[in-house]
């Protein structure tokens, strides 16, 4: 395993998760640390959280509203700039072009330097099956970096909305579950991670103390081998067609939103095929 890089003032981060408490379980300590280091974080939550209960009197619209309020309190503790809700029905998410486009819309608007997404792997460490919403959201989020978020010919309606492709991504971080090869030190933010998770009372319920202790022990185990008191783990990718290898995060990098003049691109092909009327 290796250690993850620090943030810096001006760094923009976008996290995309399926459910209102996914980020708190998987990456809240890391998001909080990056914010402390100067980053600006936007959290995108794909579903409305309306089915995550065994209480039949609560499920549906009532639960969705409760979970919005819980997520807002958690985001304030973490220090996130905003939450973007896509309002897909909880438990019914399937991979689709609509899903890819909706995530790409947020990606193009926020123009992240660091992009944090879910793992789409069907099974995790040969111990349990990954949630179907996690798989669909994770795969669509990954695909945005290669197509819909970075290439003008994908979903040209986003161009009509004023959302240019973003090719200034530096790093893609894939969060757990499971153990990943890169660890992030959250020794200074473990308490905020747990406090944020405890905001989701509809989910932790009477098991709050047990869940909080399990999170603390799990993150301590991840950090111990690297000399950290607590850590979260990720897979980190730093190269690809939609990536930019530079380390600067000045506003000047907004020019990277413009697609390169690649003859193979759909935009240039279209321009070359057009002539004076």
C-alpha atoms as a PDB file:
ATOM      1  CA  UNK A   1       0.000   0.000   0.000  1.00  0.00           C
ATOM      2  CA  UNK A   2       0.993   3.619  -0.561  1.00  0.00           C
ATOM      3  CA  UNK A   3      -0.145   6.834   1.073  1.00  0.00           C
ATOM      4  CA  UNK A   4      -2.520   9.254  -0.671  1.00  0.00           C
ATOM      5  CA  UNK A   5      -1.522  12.797  -1.573  1.00  0.00           C
ATOM      6  CA  UNK A   6      -2.497  15.908   0.352  1.00  0.00           C
ATOM      7  CA  UNK A   7      -4.832  18.620  -0.935  1.00  0.00           C
ATOM      8  CA  UNK A   8      -4.003  22.292  -1.439  1.00  0.00           C
ATOM      9  CA  UNK A   9      -5.909  25.586  -1.584  1.00  0.00           C
ATOM     10  CA  UNK A  10      -7.902  25.843  -4.809  1.00  0.00           C
ATOM     11  CA  UNK A  11      -8.295  22.092  -5.281  1.00  0.00           C
ATOM     12  CA  UNK A  12     -11.824  21.137  -6.305  1.00  0.00           C
ATOM     13  CA  UNK A  13     -13.177  17.758  -5.264  1.00  0.00           C
ATOM     14  CA  UNK A  14     -16.344  15.980  -6.404  1.00  0.00           C
ATOM     15  CA  UNK A  15     -17.584  12.858  -4.640  1.00  0.00           C
ATOM     16  CA  UNK A  16     -20.385  10.765  -6.146  1.00  0.00           C
ATOM     17  CA  UNK A  17     -22.195   8.195  -4.023  1.00  0.00           C
ATOM     18  CA  UNK A  18     -25.390   6.224  -4.341  1.00  0.00           C
ATOM     19  CA  UNK A  19     -26.989   6.772  -0.934  1.00  0.00           C
ATOM     20  CA  UNK A  20     -27.061   9.533   1.683  1.00  0.00           C
ATOM     21  CA  UNK A  21     -24.665   7.765   4.096  1.00  0.00           C
ATOM     22  CA  UNK A  22     -22.242   6.130   1.637  1.00  0.00           C
ATOM     23  CA  UNK A  23     -19.634   8.887   1.750  1.00  0.00           C
ATOM     24  CA  UNK A  24     -19.725   8.996   5.535  1.00  0.00           C
ATOM     25  CA  UNK A  25     -18.898   5.290   5.691  1.00  0.00           C
ATOM     26  CA  UNK A  26     -16.319   5.316   2.901  1.00  0.00           C
ATOM     27  CA  UNK A  27     -14.518   8.641   2.597  1.00  0.00           C
ATOM     28  CA  UNK A  28     -15.768  11.321   5.022  1.00  0.00           C
ATOM     29  CA  UNK A  29     -12.513  11.419   6.971  1.00  0.00           C
ATOM     30  CA  UNK A  30     -10.524  12.019   3.794  1.00  0.00           C
ATOM     31  CA  UNK A  31     -12.948  14.666   2.504  1.00  0.00           C
ATOM     32  CA  UNK A  32     -12.765  16.483   5.847  1.00  0.00           C
ATOM     33  CA  UNK A  33      -8.951  16.423   5.806  1.00  0.00           C
ATOM     34  CA  UNK A  34      -8.810  17.756   2.240  1.00  0.00           C
ATOM     35  CA  UNK A  35     -11.182  20.559   3.239  1.00  0.00           C
ATOM     36  CA  UNK A  36      -8.935  21.396   6.189  1.00  0.00           C
ATOM     37  CA  UNK A  37      -6.038  21.595   3.715  1.00  0.00           C
ATOM     38  CA  UNK A  38      -7.897  24.086   1.530  1.00  0.00           C
ATOM     39  CA  UNK A  39      -9.940  22.014  -0.932  1.00  0.00           C
ATOM     40  CA  UNK A  40     -13.538  22.755  -1.918  1.00  0.00           C
ATOM     41  CA  UNK A  41     -15.772  19.671  -1.856  1.00  0.00           C
ATOM     42  CA  UNK A  42     -19.072  19.039  -3.646  1.00  0.00           C
ATOM     43  CA  UNK A  43     -20.985  15.889  -2.703  1.00  0.00           C
ATOM     44  CA  UNK A  44     -23.326  14.341  -5.273  1.00  0.00           C
ATOM     45  CA  UNK A  45     -25.865  11.820  -3.947  1.00  0.00           C
ATOM     46  CA  UNK A  46     -27.658   9.887  -6.671  1.00  0.00           C
ATOM     47  CA  UNK A  47     -30.675   8.385  -4.870  1.00  0.00           C
ATOM     48  CA  UNK A  48     -33.378   9.870  -2.674  1.00  0.00           C
ATOM     49  CA  UNK A  49     -32.747   7.398   0.161  1.00  0.00           C
ATOM     50  CA  UNK A  50     -36.455   6.565   0.299  1.00  0.00           C
ATOM     51  CA  UNK A  51     -36.294   2.788   0.863  1.00  0.00           C
ATOM     52  CA  UNK A  52     -33.490   2.364   3.417  1.00  0.00           C
ATOM     53  CA  UNK A  53     -35.627   1.235   6.340  1.00  0.00           C
ATOM     54  CA  UNK A  54     -37.488  -1.720   7.790  1.00  0.00           C
ATOM     55  CA  UNK A  55     -40.165   0.670   9.078  1.00  0.00           C
ATOM     56  CA  UNK A  56     -43.044   0.493   6.607  1.00  0.00           C
ATOM     57  CA  UNK A  57     -44.655   3.635   8.011  1.00  0.00           C
ATOM     58  CA  UNK A  58     -41.505   5.661   7.290  1.00  0.00           C
ATOM     59  CA  UNK A  59     -40.422   4.462   3.855  1.00  0.00           C
ATOM     60  CA  UNK A  60     -41.077   6.672   0.848  1.00  0.00           C
ATOM     61  CA  UNK A  61     -41.337  10.460   0.811  1.00  0.00           C
ATOM     62  CA  UNK A  62     -41.135  10.802   4.590  1.00  0.00           C
ATOM     63  CA  UNK A  63     -37.866   8.902   4.780  1.00  0.00           C
ATOM     64  CA  UNK A  64     -36.454  10.776   1.794  1.00  0.00           C
ATOM     65  CA  UNK A  65     -36.992  14.100   3.572  1.00  0.00           C
ATOM     66  CA  UNK A  66     -35.468  12.781   6.795  1.00  0.00           C
ATOM     67  CA  UNK A  67     -32.395  11.590   4.961  1.00  0.00           C
ATOM     68  CA  UNK A  68     -31.948  14.922   3.185  1.00  0.00           C
ATOM     69  CA  UNK A  69     -31.886  16.648   6.547  1.00  0.00           C
ATOM     70  CA  UNK A  70     -29.463  14.073   7.952  1.00  0.00           C
ATOM     71  CA  UNK A  71     -27.156  14.478   4.957  1.00  0.00           C
ATOM     72  CA  UNK A  72     -27.183  18.263   5.248  1.00  0.00           C
ATOM     73  CA  UNK A  73     -26.120  18.085   8.899  1.00  0.00           C
ATOM     74  CA  UNK A  74     -23.399  15.555   8.029  1.00  0.00           C
ATOM     75  CA  UNK A  75     -22.097  17.702   5.153  1.00  0.00           C
ATOM     76  CA  UNK A  76     -21.844  20.702   7.465  1.00  0.00           C
ATOM     77  CA  UNK A  77     -19.742  18.680   9.888  1.00  0.00           C
ATOM     78  CA  UNK A  78     -17.472  17.470   7.090  1.00  0.00           C
ATOM     79  CA  UNK A  79     -17.266  21.003   5.678  1.00  0.00           C
ATOM     80  CA  UNK A  80     -18.597  20.322   2.175  1.00  0.00           C
ATOM     81  CA  UNK A  81     -19.568  23.270  -0.006  1.00  0.00           C
ATOM     82  CA  UNK A  82     -22.810  21.743  -1.286  1.00  0.00           C
ATOM     83  CA  UNK A  83     -24.823  18.581  -1.852  1.00  0.00           C
ATOM     84  CA  UNK A  84     -26.213  17.852  -5.316  1.00  0.00           C
ATOM     85  CA  UNK A  85     -29.167  15.439  -5.311  1.00  0.00           C
ATOM     86  CA  UNK A  86     -30.062  13.494  -8.458  1.00  0.00           C
ATOM     87  CA  UNK A  87     -33.180  11.982  -6.838  1.00  0.00           C
ATOM     88  CA  UNK A  88     -33.117   8.545  -8.430  1.00  0.00           C
ATOM     89  CA  UNK A  89     -35.346   6.095  -6.574  1.00  0.00           C
ATOM     90  CA  UNK A  90     -33.390   4.335  -3.844  1.00  0.00           C
ATOM     91  CA  UNK A  91     -32.817   0.658  -4.626  1.00  0.00           C
ATOM     92  CA  UNK A  92     -33.929   0.939  -8.254  1.00  0.00           C
ATOM     93  CA  UNK A  93     -30.850   2.433  -9.902  1.00  0.00           C
ATOM     94  CA  UNK A  94     -29.742   0.764 -13.106  1.00  0.00           C
ATOM     95  CA  UNK A  95     -26.858   1.667 -15.353  1.00  0.00           C
ATOM     96  CA  UNK A  96     -28.295   3.849 -18.104  1.00  0.00           C
ATOM     97  CA  UNK A  97     -27.359   6.660 -20.446  1.00  0.00           C
ATOM     98  CA  UNK A  98     -29.565   8.965 -18.384  1.00  0.00           C
ATOM     99  CA  UNK A  99     -27.558   8.133 -15.258  1.00  0.00           C
ATOM    100  CA  UNK A 100     -24.260   8.720 -17.064  1.00  0.00           C
ATOM    101  CA  UNK A 101     -25.493  12.040 -18.455  1.00  0.00           C
ATOM    102  CA  UNK A 102     -26.784  13.250 -15.078  1.00  0.00           C
ATOM    103  CA  UNK A 103     -23.480  12.514 -13.356  1.00  0.00           C
ATOM    104  CA  UNK A 104     -21.602  14.082 -16.279  1.00  0.00           C
ATOM    105  CA  UNK A 105     -23.668  17.236 -15.833  1.00  0.00           C
ATOM    106  CA  UNK A 106     -22.416  17.586 -12.252  1.00  0.00           C
ATOM    107  CA  UNK A 107     -18.861  16.681 -13.309  1.00  0.00           C
ATOM    108  CA  UNK A 108     -18.795  19.371 -16.008  1.00  0.00           C
ATOM    109  CA  UNK A 109     -20.327  21.992 -13.719  1.00  0.00           C
ATOM    110  CA  UNK A 110     -17.973  21.409 -10.775  1.00  0.00           C
ATOM    111  CA  UNK A 111     -14.825  20.703 -12.877  1.00  0.00           C
ATOM    112  CA  UNK A 112     -13.070  18.596 -10.242  1.00  0.00           C
ATOM    113  CA  UNK A 113      -9.330  18.138  -9.943  1.00  0.00           C
ATOM    114  CA  UNK A 114      -9.962  15.136  -7.725  1.00  0.00           C
ATOM    115  CA  UNK A 115     -12.957  12.854  -8.331  1.00  0.00           C
ATOM    116  CA  UNK A 116     -14.044  10.355  -5.690  1.00  0.00           C
ATOM    117  CA  UNK A 117     -16.427   7.538  -6.700  1.00  0.00           C
ATOM    118  CA  UNK A 118     -17.793   4.173  -5.611  1.00  0.00           C
ATOM    119  CA  UNK A 119     -16.399   0.739  -6.443  1.00  0.00           C
ATOM    120  CA  UNK A 120     -18.583  -1.024  -9.064  1.00  0.00           C
ATOM    121  CA  UNK A 121     -17.128  -4.472  -8.305  1.00  0.00           C
ATOM    122  CA  UNK A 122     -19.952  -7.060  -7.950  1.00  0.00           C
ATOM    123  CA  UNK A 123     -18.411  -8.827  -4.930  1.00  0.00           C
ATOM    124  CA  UNK A 124     -16.085  -7.339  -2.318  1.00  0.00           C
ATOM    125  CA  UNK A 125     -13.052  -9.259  -1.017  1.00  0.00           C
ATOM    126  CA  UNK A 126     -14.993 -12.509  -1.510  1.00  0.00           C
ATOM    127  CA  UNK A 127     -17.014 -11.655   1.594  1.00  0.00           C
ATOM    128  CA  UNK A 128     -20.239  -9.971   0.430  1.00  0.00           C
ATOM    129  CA  UNK A 129     -22.197  -8.804  -2.604  1.00  0.00           C
ATOM    130  CA  UNK A 130     -21.899  -5.119  -3.460  1.00  0.00           C
ATOM    131  CA  UNK A 131     -25.192  -3.198  -3.436  1.00  0.00           C
ATOM    132  CA  UNK A 132     -26.711  -2.955  -6.941  1.00  0.00           C
ATOM    133  CA  UNK A 133     -27.094   0.824  -6.606  1.00  0.00           C
ATOM    134  CA  UNK A 134     -23.396   1.059  -5.706  1.00  0.00           C
ATOM    135  CA  UNK A 135     -22.445  -0.952  -8.763  1.00  0.00           C
ATOM    136  CA  UNK A 136     -24.541   1.108 -11.189  1.00  0.00           C
ATOM    137  CA  UNK A 137     -23.475   4.468  -9.758  1.00  0.00           C
ATOM    138  CA  UNK A 138     -19.844   3.406  -9.517  1.00  0.00           C
ATOM    139  CA  UNK A 139     -19.656   2.252 -13.143  1.00  0.00           C
ATOM    140  CA  UNK A 140     -21.449   5.312 -14.508  1.00  0.00           C
ATOM    141  CA  UNK A 141     -19.182   7.586 -12.464  1.00  0.00           C
ATOM    142  CA  UNK A 142     -16.078   5.898 -13.843  1.00  0.00           C
ATOM    143  CA  UNK A 143     -17.340   6.100 -17.418  1.00  0.00           C
ATOM    144  CA  UNK A 144     -17.897   9.843 -17.118  1.00  0.00           C
ATOM    145  CA  UNK A 145     -14.114  10.346 -16.993  1.00  0.00           C
ATOM    146  CA  UNK A 146     -13.692   8.643 -20.370  1.00  0.00           C
ATOM    147  CA  UNK A 147     -16.768   9.807 -22.246  1.00  0.00           C
ATOM    148  CA  UNK A 148     -19.627  12.002 -21.094  1.00  0.00           C
ATOM    149  CA  UNK A 149     -17.670  14.321 -18.833  1.00  0.00           C
ATOM    150  CA  UNK A 150     -14.692  14.880 -21.100  1.00  0.00           C
ATOM    151  CA  UNK A 151     -15.837  14.585 -24.732  1.00  0.00           C
ATOM    152  CA  UNK A 152     -18.083  17.106 -26.544  1.00  0.00           C
ATOM    153  CA  UNK A 153     -19.774  14.559 -28.791  1.00  0.00           C
ATOM    154  CA  UNK A 154     -21.247  12.715 -25.804  1.00  0.00           C
ATOM    155  CA  UNK A 155     -24.558  14.295 -24.748  1.00  0.00           C
ATOM    156  CA  UNK A 156     -24.268  17.460 -26.872  1.00  0.00           C
ATOM    157  CA  UNK A 157     -27.340  18.742 -25.027  1.00  0.00           C
ATOM    158  CA  UNK A 158     -24.963  19.507 -22.167  1.00  0.00           C
ATOM    159  CA  UNK A 159     -23.194  21.954 -24.485  1.00  0.00           C
ATOM    160  CA  UNK A 160     -26.551  23.654 -24.980  1.00  0.00           C
ATOM    161  CA  UNK A 161     -26.689  24.052 -21.191  1.00  0.00           C
ATOM    162  CA  UNK A 162     -23.325  25.828 -21.283  1.00  0.00           C
ATOM    163  CA  UNK A 163     -21.449  22.855 -19.821  1.00  0.00           C
ATOM    164  CA  UNK A 164     -18.194  22.317 -21.678  1.00  0.00           C
ATOM    165  CA  UNK A 165     -16.248  19.053 -21.342  1.00  0.00           C
ATOM    166  CA  UNK A 166     -13.792  19.054 -18.448  1.00  0.00           C
ATOM    167  CA  UNK A 167     -10.344  17.643 -19.140  1.00  0.00           C
ATOM    168  CA  UNK A 168      -8.585  19.023 -16.076  1.00  0.00           C
ATOM    169  CA  UNK A 169      -9.031  15.981 -13.838  1.00  0.00           C
ATOM    170  CA  UNK A 170      -5.863  15.077 -11.915  1.00  0.00           C
ATOM    171  CA  UNK A 171      -6.889  12.069  -9.851  1.00  0.00           C
ATOM    172  CA  UNK A 172      -9.686   9.512  -9.693  1.00  0.00           C
ATOM    173  CA  UNK A 173     -10.185   7.983  -6.228  1.00  0.00           C
ATOM    174  CA  UNK A 174     -12.286   4.825  -5.847  1.00  0.00           C
ATOM    175  CA  UNK A 175     -13.501   4.256  -2.297  1.00  0.00           C
ATOM    176  CA  UNK A 176     -14.280   0.997  -0.547  1.00  0.00           C
ATOM    177  CA  UNK A 177     -15.818  -1.169   0.734  1.00  0.00           C
ATOM    178  CA  UNK A 178     -12.953  -3.572   1.035  1.00  0.00           C
ATOM    179  CA  UNK A 179      -9.265  -2.790   1.351  1.00  0.00           C
ATOM    180  CA  UNK A 180      -7.679  -0.715  -1.410  1.00  0.00           C
ATOM    181  CA  UNK A 181      -3.958  -0.146  -2.214  1.00  0.00           C
ATOM    182  CA  UNK A 182      -3.720   3.564  -1.264  1.00  0.00           C
ATOM    183  CA  UNK A 183      -4.339   4.770   2.284  1.00  0.00           C
ATOM    184  CA  UNK A 184      -5.332   8.257   3.377  1.00  0.00           C
ATOM    185  CA  UNK A 185      -4.402   9.485   6.843  1.00  0.00           C
ATOM    186  CA  UNK A 186      -7.534  10.547   8.748  1.00  0.00           C
ATOM    187  CA  UNK A 187      -5.986  10.678  12.204  1.00  0.00           C
ATOM    188  CA  UNK A 188      -7.078  14.303  12.643  1.00  0.00           C
ATOM    189  CA  UNK A 189     -10.583  13.813  11.228  1.00  0.00           C
ATOM    190  CA  UNK A 190     -11.757  10.414  12.501  1.00  0.00           C
ATOM    191  CA  UNK A 191     -13.987  12.062  15.095  1.00  0.00           C
ATOM    192  CA  UNK A 192     -15.662  14.245  12.459  1.00  0.00           C
ATOM    193  CA  UNK A 193     -16.155  11.199  10.224  1.00  0.00           C
ATOM    194  CA  UNK A 194     -17.959   9.364  13.007  1.00  0.00           C
ATOM    195  CA  UNK A 195     -19.910  12.468  14.054  1.00  0.00           C
ATOM    196  CA  UNK A 196     -21.066  12.905  10.447  1.00  0.00           C
ATOM    197  CA  UNK A 197     -22.073   9.252  10.227  1.00  0.00           C
ATOM    198  CA  UNK A 198     -24.037   9.539  13.468  1.00  0.00           C
ATOM    199  CA  UNK A 199     -26.157  12.264  11.827  1.00  0.00           C
ATOM    200  CA  UNK A 200     -27.813   9.442   9.876  1.00  0.00           C
ATOM    201  CA  UNK A 201     -30.009   8.402  12.778  1.00  0.00           C
ATOM    202  CA  UNK A 202     -32.519   6.743  10.472  1.00  0.00           C
ATOM    203  CA  UNK A 203     -29.763   4.287   9.519  1.00  0.00           C
ATOM    204  CA  UNK A 204     -27.647   3.768  12.630  1.00  0.00           C
ATOM    205  CA  UNK A 205     -30.603   3.782  15.067  1.00  0.00           C
ATOM    206  CA  UNK A 206     -30.003   1.968  18.324  1.00  0.00           C
ATOM    207  CA  UNK A 207     -26.752   0.530  16.932  1.00  0.00           C
ATOM    208  CA  UNK A 208     -25.031   3.932  16.807  1.00  0.00           C
ATOM    209  CA  UNK A 209     -22.459   3.164  19.497  1.00  0.00           C
ATOM    210  CA  UNK A 210     -21.615  -0.241  18.039  1.00  0.00           C
ATOM    211  CA  UNK A 211     -21.322   1.122  14.503  1.00  0.00           C
ATOM    212  CA  UNK A 212     -19.184   4.045  15.647  1.00  0.00           C
ATOM    213  CA  UNK A 213     -16.837   1.687  17.462  1.00  0.00           C
ATOM    214  CA  UNK A 214     -16.644  -0.634  14.454  1.00  0.00           C
ATOM    215  CA  UNK A 215     -15.729   2.301  12.187  1.00  0.00           C
ATOM    216  CA  UNK A 216     -13.050   3.432  14.638  1.00  0.00           C
ATOM    217  CA  UNK A 217     -11.543  -0.068  14.855  1.00  0.00           C
ATOM    218  CA  UNK A 218     -11.703  -0.611  11.099  1.00  0.00           C
ATOM    219  CA  UNK A 219      -9.988   2.684  10.285  1.00  0.00           C
ATOM    220  CA  UNK A 220      -7.404   2.076  13.003  1.00  0.00           C
ATOM    221  CA  UNK A 221      -6.578  -1.285  11.424  1.00  0.00           C
ATOM    222  CA  UNK A 222      -6.135   0.339   7.999  1.00  0.00           C
ATOM    223  CA  UNK A 223      -3.824   3.003   9.403  1.00  0.00           C
ATOM    224  CA  UNK A 224      -1.719   0.878  11.718  1.00  0.00           C
ATOM    225  CA  UNK A 225       0.517  -0.639   9.032  1.00  0.00           C
ATOM    226  CA  UNK A 226       1.448   2.849   7.772  1.00  0.00           C
ATOM    227  CA  UNK A 227       2.085   4.561  11.055  1.00  0.00           C
ATOM    228  CA  UNK A 228      -1.257   6.366  11.095  1.00  0.00           C
ATOM    229  CA  UNK A 229      -3.710   6.253  13.966  1.00  0.00           C
ATOM    230  CA  UNK A 230      -6.602   6.023  11.490  1.00  0.00           C
ATOM    231  CA  UNK A 231      -6.892   5.724   7.709  1.00  0.00           C
ATOM    232  CA  UNK A 232      -9.282   5.103   4.822  1.00  0.00           C
ATOM    233  CA  UNK A 233      -8.245   3.168   1.723  1.00  0.00           C
ATOM    234  CA  UNK A 234      -8.730   3.843  -1.983  1.00  0.00           C
ATOM    235  CA  UNK A 235      -7.673   2.861  -5.474  1.00  0.00           C
ATOM    236  CA  UNK A 236      -6.188   5.932  -7.186  1.00  0.00           C
ATOM    237  CA  UNK A 237      -5.867   6.470 -10.950  1.00  0.00           C
ATOM    238  CA  UNK A 238      -3.876   9.398 -12.296  1.00  0.00           C
ATOM    239  CA  UNK A 239      -3.829   8.947 -16.066  1.00  0.00           C
ATOM    240  CA  UNK A 240      -6.213   8.561 -18.969  1.00  0.00           C
ATOM    241  CA  UNK A 241      -7.706  10.477 -21.923  1.00  0.00           C
ATOM    242  CA  UNK A 242      -9.628  12.890 -19.701  1.00  0.00           C
ATOM    243  CA  UNK A 243      -6.802  13.522 -17.228  1.00  0.00           C
ATOM    244  CA  UNK A 244      -4.309  16.353 -16.935  1.00  0.00           C
ATOM    245  CA  UNK A 245      -0.977  15.505 -15.341  1.00  0.00           C
ATOM    246  CA  UNK A 246      -0.107  19.008 -14.076  1.00  0.00           C
ATOM    247  CA  UNK A 247      -0.189  19.791 -10.377  1.00  0.00           C
ATOM    248  CA  UNK A 248      -1.253  23.450 -10.584  1.00  0.00           C
ATOM    249  CA  UNK A 249      -4.817  24.272  -9.572  1.00  0.00           C
ATOM    250  CA  UNK A 250      -4.919  27.942 -10.507  1.00  0.00           C
ATOM    251  CA  UNK A 251      -8.000  29.356 -12.172  1.00  0.00           C
ATOM    252  CA  UNK A 252      -5.966  29.391 -15.375  1.00  0.00           C
ATOM    253  CA  UNK A 253      -6.522  25.674 -15.665  1.00  0.00           C
ATOM    254  CA  UNK A 254     -10.127  26.353 -16.641  1.00  0.00           C
ATOM    255  CA  UNK A 255      -8.795  26.485 -20.202  1.00  0.00           C
ATOM    256  CA  UNK A 256      -8.369  22.733 -19.889  1.00  0.00           C
ATOM    257  CA  UNK A 257     -12.133  22.474 -20.224  1.00  0.00           C
ATOM    258  CA  UNK A 258     -11.683  23.071 -23.917  1.00  0.00           C
ATOM    259  CA  UNK A 259     -11.271  19.771 -25.785  1.00  0.00           C
ATOM    260  CA  UNK A 260      -7.966  19.278 -27.611  1.00  0.00           C
ATOM    261  CA  UNK A 261      -7.938  19.465 -31.401  1.00  0.00           C
ATOM    262  CA  UNK A 262      -7.885  15.724 -31.834  1.00  0.00           C
ATOM    263  CA  UNK A 263      -8.790  14.766 -35.424  1.00  0.00           C
ATOM    264  CA  UNK A 264     -10.528  11.681 -34.099  1.00  0.00           C
ATOM    265  CA  UNK A 265     -12.882  13.674 -31.889  1.00  0.00           C
ATOM    266  CA  UNK A 266     -16.513  14.020 -32.843  1.00  0.00           C
ATOM    267  CA  UNK A 267     -16.357  17.799 -32.593  1.00  0.00           C
ATOM    268  CA  UNK A 268     -13.479  18.223 -35.049  1.00  0.00           C
ATOM    269  CA  UNK A 269     -14.965  15.649 -37.402  1.00  0.00           C
ATOM    270  CA  UNK A 270     -18.180  17.643 -37.417  1.00  0.00           C
ATOM    271  CA  UNK A 271     -16.331  20.907 -38.067  1.00  0.00           C
ATOM    272  CA  UNK A 272     -14.319  19.377 -40.902  1.00  0.00           C
ATOM    273  CA  UNK A 273     -17.456  18.071 -42.489  1.00  0.00           C
ATOM    274  CA  UNK A 274     -19.172  21.449 -42.519  1.00  0.00           C
ATOM    275  CA  UNK A 275     -18.591  24.169 -45.106  1.00  0.00           C
ATOM    276  CA  UNK A 276     -19.898  27.567 -45.986  1.00  0.00           C
ATOM    277  CA  UNK A 277     -23.566  27.716 -46.737  1.00  0.00           C
END
